[in-house]
Amino acid sequence: MIKTIGFISGLLLMSVAISAFATTVKQEPPMGAMREDQVLLVDDGSCPTGQIKRVVGGNHTKVGGTKQVVRTISCVPR
């Protein structure tokens, strides 16, 4: 019984960890195409060598959202 609970807990933890990885794309999606807090890594060559663009989706009213949360963009180490 305890082993079964531990196994199930381990599977749940692994699924959460795997879903935390960001998807890498070649082109930044248009405004309004990402969910709020969705993270994408964009490999479009706009960041310095050894870094990649990290885009976090917003939910701004200017693009059909319901809040004043803007998309954030930064360069992060690969």
N, C-alpha and C. Protein backbone atom coordinates (compact mmCIF):
# COMPACT_ATOMS: atom_id res chain seq x y z
N MET A 1 0.82 -1.19 0.00
CA MET A 1 0.00 0.00 0.00
C MET A 1 0.87 1.26 0.00
N ILE A 2 1.85 1.32 0.88
CA ILE A 2 2.72 2.49 0.97
C ILE A 2 3.55 2.63 -0.31
N LYS A 3 4.01 1.50 -0.86
CA LYS A 3 4.77 1.55 -2.11
C LYS A 3 3.91 2.08 -3.25
N THR A 4 2.65 1.68 -3.28
CA THR A 4 1.73 2.14 -4.32
C THR A 4 1.52 3.64 -4.23
N ILE A 5 1.32 4.15 -3.03
CA ILE A 5 1.12 5.59 -2.84
C ILE A 5 2.39 6.35 -3.25
N GLY A 6 3.54 5.82 -2.88
CA GLY A 6 4.80 6.45 -3.26
C GLY A 6 4.99 6.46 -4.77
N PHE A 7 4.63 5.37 -5.42
CA PHE A 7 4.75 5.28 -6.88
C PHE A 7 3.83 6.29 -7.56
N ILE A 8 2.60 6.38 -7.10
CA ILE A 8 1.65 7.33 -7.69
C ILE A 8 2.11 8.77 -7.44
N SER A 9 2.61 9.05 -6.25
CA SER A 9 3.12 10.39 -5.95
C SER A 9 4.30 10.73 -6.85
N GLY A 10 5.16 9.76 -7.09
CA GLY A 10 6.30 9.97 -7.98
C GLY A 10 5.87 10.27 -9.40
N LEU A 11 4.86 9.56 -9.89
CA LEU A 11 4.35 9.80 -11.24
C LEU A 11 3.75 11.20 -11.36
N LEU A 12 2.99 11.61 -10.34
CA LEU A 12 2.41 12.95 -10.37
C LEU A 12 3.49 14.03 -10.36
N LEU A 13 4.51 13.84 -9.56
CA LEU A 13 5.60 14.80 -9.49
C LEU A 13 6.33 14.89 -10.82
N MET A 14 6.56 13.76 -11.47
CA MET A 14 7.22 13.76 -12.78
C MET A 14 6.38 14.47 -13.82
N SER A 15 5.07 14.27 -13.80
CA SER A 15 4.22 14.91 -14.80
C SER A 15 4.20 16.43 -14.61
N VAL A 16 4.24 16.90 -13.38
CA VAL A 16 4.30 18.34 -13.11
C VAL A 16 5.63 18.90 -13.58
N ALA A 17 6.72 18.19 -13.32
CA ALA A 17 8.05 18.66 -13.72
C ALA A 17 8.17 18.71 -15.25
N ILE A 18 7.65 17.73 -15.94
CA ILE A 18 7.72 17.70 -17.39
C ILE A 18 6.90 18.83 -17.99
N SER A 19 5.74 19.12 -17.44
CA SER A 19 4.90 20.19 -17.99
C SER A 19 5.49 21.57 -17.72
N ALA A 20 6.46 21.68 -16.82
CA ALA A 20 7.08 22.96 -16.52
C ALA A 20 8.08 23.38 -17.59
N PHE A 21 8.52 22.45 -18.42
CA PHE A 21 9.48 22.79 -19.48
C PHE A 21 8.80 23.65 -20.53
N ALA A 22 9.51 24.65 -20.98
CA ALA A 22 8.96 25.55 -22.00
C ALA A 22 9.17 24.95 -23.39
N THR A 23 8.26 25.24 -24.29
CA THR A 23 8.36 24.82 -25.67
C THR A 23 9.25 25.80 -26.42
N THR A 24 10.10 25.29 -27.31
CA THR A 24 10.96 26.13 -28.13
C THR A 24 10.37 26.24 -29.53
N VAL A 25 10.25 27.48 -30.02
CA VAL A 25 9.73 27.74 -31.36
C VAL A 25 10.70 28.65 -32.11
N LYS A 26 10.56 28.76 -33.42
CA LYS A 26 11.45 29.58 -34.24
C LYS A 26 10.96 31.01 -34.39
N GLN A 27 9.68 31.25 -34.13
CA GLN A 27 9.09 32.56 -34.37
C GLN A 27 8.15 32.90 -33.21
N GLU A 28 8.21 34.15 -32.76
CA GLU A 28 7.33 34.59 -31.68
C GLU A 28 5.88 34.64 -32.18
N PRO A 29 4.95 34.05 -31.44
CA PRO A 29 3.55 34.08 -31.87
C PRO A 29 2.96 35.48 -31.82
N PRO A 30 1.92 35.74 -32.60
CA PRO A 30 1.31 37.07 -32.59
C PRO A 30 0.65 37.37 -31.24
N MET A 31 0.44 38.67 -30.99
CA MET A 31 -0.22 39.08 -29.75
C MET A 31 -1.60 38.44 -29.67
N GLY A 32 -1.95 37.96 -28.49
CA GLY A 32 -3.24 37.33 -28.28
C GLY A 32 -3.24 35.83 -28.52
N ALA A 33 -2.13 35.29 -29.03
CA ALA A 33 -2.07 33.86 -29.36
C ALA A 33 -1.60 32.99 -28.19
N MET A 34 -1.04 33.60 -27.16
CA MET A 34 -0.55 32.84 -26.00
C MET A 34 -1.50 33.00 -24.82
N ARG A 35 -1.56 31.97 -23.98
CA ARG A 35 -2.33 32.06 -22.74
C ARG A 35 -1.56 32.88 -21.72
N GLU A 36 -2.25 33.41 -20.75
CA GLU A 36 -1.60 34.15 -19.68
C GLU A 36 -0.65 33.22 -18.93
N ASP A 37 0.57 33.68 -18.70
CA ASP A 37 1.63 32.95 -18.00
C ASP A 37 2.20 31.76 -18.79
N GLN A 38 1.78 31.55 -20.03
CA GLN A 38 2.40 30.51 -20.86
C GLN A 38 3.81 30.96 -21.21
N VAL A 39 4.78 30.04 -21.13
CA VAL A 39 6.18 30.38 -21.39
C VAL A 39 6.62 29.68 -22.68
N LEU A 40 7.21 30.45 -23.59
CA LEU A 40 7.79 29.92 -24.81
C LEU A 40 9.23 30.40 -24.91
N LEU A 41 10.09 29.55 -25.43
CA LEU A 41 11.44 29.95 -25.77
C LEU A 41 11.46 30.14 -27.28
N VAL A 42 11.90 31.31 -27.73
CA VAL A 42 11.88 31.64 -29.15
C VAL A 42 13.32 31.73 -29.65
N ASP A 43 13.69 30.83 -30.56
CA ASP A 43 15.03 30.78 -31.11
C ASP A 43 15.04 31.51 -32.46
N ASP A 44 14.95 32.84 -32.40
CA ASP A 44 14.88 33.63 -33.63
C ASP A 44 16.16 34.44 -33.88
N GLY A 45 17.18 34.23 -33.07
CA GLY A 45 18.46 34.90 -33.27
C GLY A 45 18.51 36.33 -32.76
N SER A 46 17.50 36.78 -32.05
CA SER A 46 17.47 38.17 -31.58
C SER A 46 18.26 38.39 -30.29
N CYS A 47 18.63 37.34 -29.60
CA CYS A 47 19.40 37.45 -28.36
C CYS A 47 20.88 37.18 -28.62
N PRO A 48 21.76 37.64 -27.73
CA PRO A 48 23.19 37.39 -27.90
C PRO A 48 23.52 35.90 -27.92
N THR A 49 24.71 35.58 -28.40
CA THR A 49 25.17 34.20 -28.46
C THR A 49 25.09 33.54 -27.09
N GLY A 50 24.57 32.32 -27.05
CA GLY A 50 24.44 31.57 -25.80
C GLY A 50 23.17 31.87 -25.03
N GLN A 51 22.32 32.74 -25.59
CA GLN A 51 21.06 33.07 -24.93
C GLN A 51 19.90 32.83 -25.89
N ILE A 52 18.70 32.73 -25.32
CA ILE A 52 17.49 32.51 -26.10
C ILE A 52 16.40 33.41 -25.55
N LYS A 53 15.49 33.83 -26.41
CA LYS A 53 14.41 34.73 -25.99
C LYS A 53 13.36 33.95 -25.22
N ARG A 54 12.98 34.45 -24.03
CA ARG A 54 11.93 33.85 -23.20
C ARG A 54 10.73 34.78 -23.25
N VAL A 55 9.59 34.25 -23.70
CA VAL A 55 8.38 35.05 -23.83
C VAL A 55 7.33 34.48 -22.86
N VAL A 56 6.77 35.34 -22.03
CA VAL A 56 5.71 34.93 -21.10
C VAL A 56 4.43 35.63 -21.52
N GLY A 57 3.41 34.84 -21.81
CA GLY A 57 2.14 35.37 -22.31
C GLY A 57 1.42 36.25 -21.31
N GLY A 58 0.73 37.24 -21.85
CA GLY A 58 -0.06 38.15 -21.04
C GLY A 58 -1.54 37.95 -21.29
N ASN A 59 -2.33 38.91 -20.85
CA ASN A 59 -3.78 38.84 -21.01
C ASN A 59 -4.29 40.28 -21.07
N HIS A 60 -3.79 41.03 -22.03
CA HIS A 60 -4.06 42.46 -22.07
C HIS A 60 -5.34 42.77 -22.83
N THR A 61 -6.05 43.77 -22.37
CA THR A 61 -7.32 44.15 -22.98
C THR A 61 -7.16 44.64 -24.42
N LYS A 62 -5.98 45.15 -24.79
CA LYS A 62 -5.75 45.64 -26.14
C LYS A 62 -5.77 44.52 -27.19
N VAL A 63 -5.56 43.28 -26.75
CA VAL A 63 -5.57 42.15 -27.69
C VAL A 63 -6.68 41.16 -27.34
N GLY A 64 -7.73 41.64 -26.73
CA GLY A 64 -8.89 40.79 -26.45
C GLY A 64 -8.89 40.12 -25.09
N GLY A 65 -7.91 40.42 -24.24
CA GLY A 65 -7.86 39.83 -22.91
C GLY A 65 -8.79 40.54 -21.94
N THR A 66 -8.73 40.11 -20.69
CA THR A 66 -9.62 40.67 -19.68
C THR A 66 -8.87 41.41 -18.58
N LYS A 67 -7.54 41.44 -18.64
CA LYS A 67 -6.73 42.07 -17.59
C LYS A 67 -5.73 43.02 -18.22
N GLN A 68 -4.94 43.66 -17.40
CA GLN A 68 -3.89 44.57 -17.87
C GLN A 68 -2.52 43.90 -17.74
N VAL A 69 -2.43 42.61 -18.03
CA VAL A 69 -1.19 41.86 -17.93
C VAL A 69 -0.54 41.83 -19.31
N VAL A 70 0.64 42.43 -19.43
CA VAL A 70 1.32 42.50 -20.72
C VAL A 70 2.30 41.33 -20.89
N ARG A 71 2.57 40.99 -22.14
CA ARG A 71 3.54 39.96 -22.47
C ARG A 71 4.93 40.47 -22.08
N THR A 72 5.75 39.59 -21.48
CA THR A 72 7.12 39.98 -21.14
C THR A 72 8.11 39.19 -21.98
N ILE A 73 9.18 39.86 -22.36
CA ILE A 73 10.20 39.25 -23.20
C ILE A 73 11.55 39.52 -22.56
N SER A 74 12.40 38.47 -22.48
CA SER A 74 13.74 38.63 -21.94
C SER A 74 14.66 37.60 -22.58
N CYS A 75 15.95 37.87 -22.54
CA CYS A 75 16.95 36.91 -23.02
C CYS A 75 17.48 36.15 -21.81
N VAL A 76 17.52 34.83 -21.92
CA VAL A 76 17.97 33.99 -20.81
C VAL A 76 19.04 33.02 -21.33
N PRO A 77 19.91 32.52 -20.46
CA PRO A 77 20.91 31.53 -20.91
C PRO A 77 20.22 30.27 -21.45
N ARG A 78 20.83 29.67 -22.43
CA ARG A 78 20.27 28.44 -23.02
C ARG A 78 20.33 27.30 -22.04
